[in-house]
Amino acid sequence: MQGQKAAERCRQNLQNNGFGAHFLETAESARELLLQNVSKYNTFGFTGSATVRALGIMVALKAEGKVVYDR
């Protein structure tokens, strides 16, 4: 519960400073939101993000026929 409160406070601070921010409780919901937000783009480049790999973002983008460059 304390971690969730800190995450919500962080999200609110980011938004107050002009950043788009979301608090999502699961990795799957984060993956879905990210894929929805980038659906109109066709080409992506990544530089070794462990988070991107853990979420399966590159695999999902490739499965949609997107061009993915990975260092």
Protein backbone atom coordinates (compact mmCIF):
# COMPACT_ATOMS: atom_id res chain seq x y z
CA MET A 1 0.00 0.00 0.00
CA GLN A 2 2.82 2.42 0.84
CA GLY A 3 4.51 1.73 -2.50
CA GLN A 4 1.27 2.39 -4.35
CA LYS A 5 0.86 5.73 -2.57
CA ALA A 6 4.41 6.71 -3.50
CA ALA A 7 3.82 5.70 -7.11
CA GLU A 8 0.60 7.72 -7.26
CA ARG A 9 2.38 10.74 -5.75
CA CYS A 10 5.16 10.38 -8.34
CA ARG A 11 2.59 10.15 -11.16
CA GLN A 12 0.82 13.26 -9.91
CA ASN A 13 4.10 15.20 -9.61
CA LEU A 14 5.06 14.25 -13.16
CA GLN A 15 1.69 15.40 -14.48
CA ASN A 16 1.94 18.65 -12.51
CA ASN A 17 5.24 19.29 -14.29
CA GLY A 18 3.88 18.73 -17.79
CA PHE A 19 4.68 15.04 -18.28
CA GLY A 20 2.22 12.37 -19.31
CA ALA A 21 2.22 9.67 -16.64
CA HIS A 22 0.16 6.62 -15.73
CA PHE A 23 0.12 4.30 -12.76
CA LEU A 24 -0.65 0.74 -13.81
CA GLU A 25 -0.78 -2.20 -11.45
CA THR A 26 0.40 -4.92 -13.83
CA ALA A 27 3.08 -5.35 -16.45
CA GLU A 28 0.42 -6.58 -18.88
CA SER A 29 -1.63 -3.39 -18.51
CA ALA A 30 1.54 -1.31 -19.07
CA ARG A 31 2.34 -3.32 -22.20
CA GLU A 32 -1.20 -2.90 -23.56
CA LEU A 33 -1.23 0.86 -22.91
CA LEU A 34 2.15 1.34 -24.55
CA LEU A 35 1.16 -0.68 -27.63
CA GLN A 36 -2.10 1.29 -27.96
CA ASN A 37 -0.24 4.60 -27.75
CA VAL A 38 2.26 3.71 -30.47
CA SER A 39 -0.06 1.86 -32.84
CA LYS A 40 0.03 4.57 -35.52
CA TYR A 41 3.82 4.35 -35.87
CA ASN A 42 5.57 1.81 -38.07
CA THR A 43 9.27 1.98 -37.17
CA PHE A 44 10.88 1.66 -33.74
CA GLY A 45 14.42 1.72 -32.41
CA PHE A 46 15.58 0.36 -29.06
CA THR A 47 18.90 0.58 -27.28
CA GLY A 48 18.86 -2.38 -24.95
CA SER A 49 16.08 -1.60 -22.47
CA ALA A 50 15.57 -4.47 -20.02
CA THR A 51 12.04 -3.20 -19.35
CA VAL A 52 11.13 -3.29 -23.04
CA ARG A 53 12.43 -6.85 -23.25
CA ALA A 54 10.66 -7.96 -20.07
CA LEU A 55 7.36 -6.57 -21.33
CA GLY A 56 7.78 -8.24 -24.72
CA ILE A 57 7.35 -4.94 -26.55
CA MET A 58 9.70 -5.74 -29.44
CA VAL A 59 8.13 -9.16 -29.99
CA ALA A 60 4.64 -7.64 -29.99
CA LEU A 61 5.62 -4.88 -32.42
CA LYS A 62 7.26 -7.36 -34.79
CA ALA A 63 4.14 -9.55 -34.62
CA GLU A 64 2.14 -6.53 -35.81
CA GLY A 65 4.46 -6.17 -38.82
CA LYS A 66 6.29 -3.12 -37.45
CA VAL A 67 9.96 -2.46 -38.27
CA VAL A 68 12.06 -2.84 -35.12
CA TYR A 69 15.72 -1.85 -34.82
CA ASP A 70 17.52 -3.22 -31.80
CA ARG A 71 21.09 -2.23 -31.20
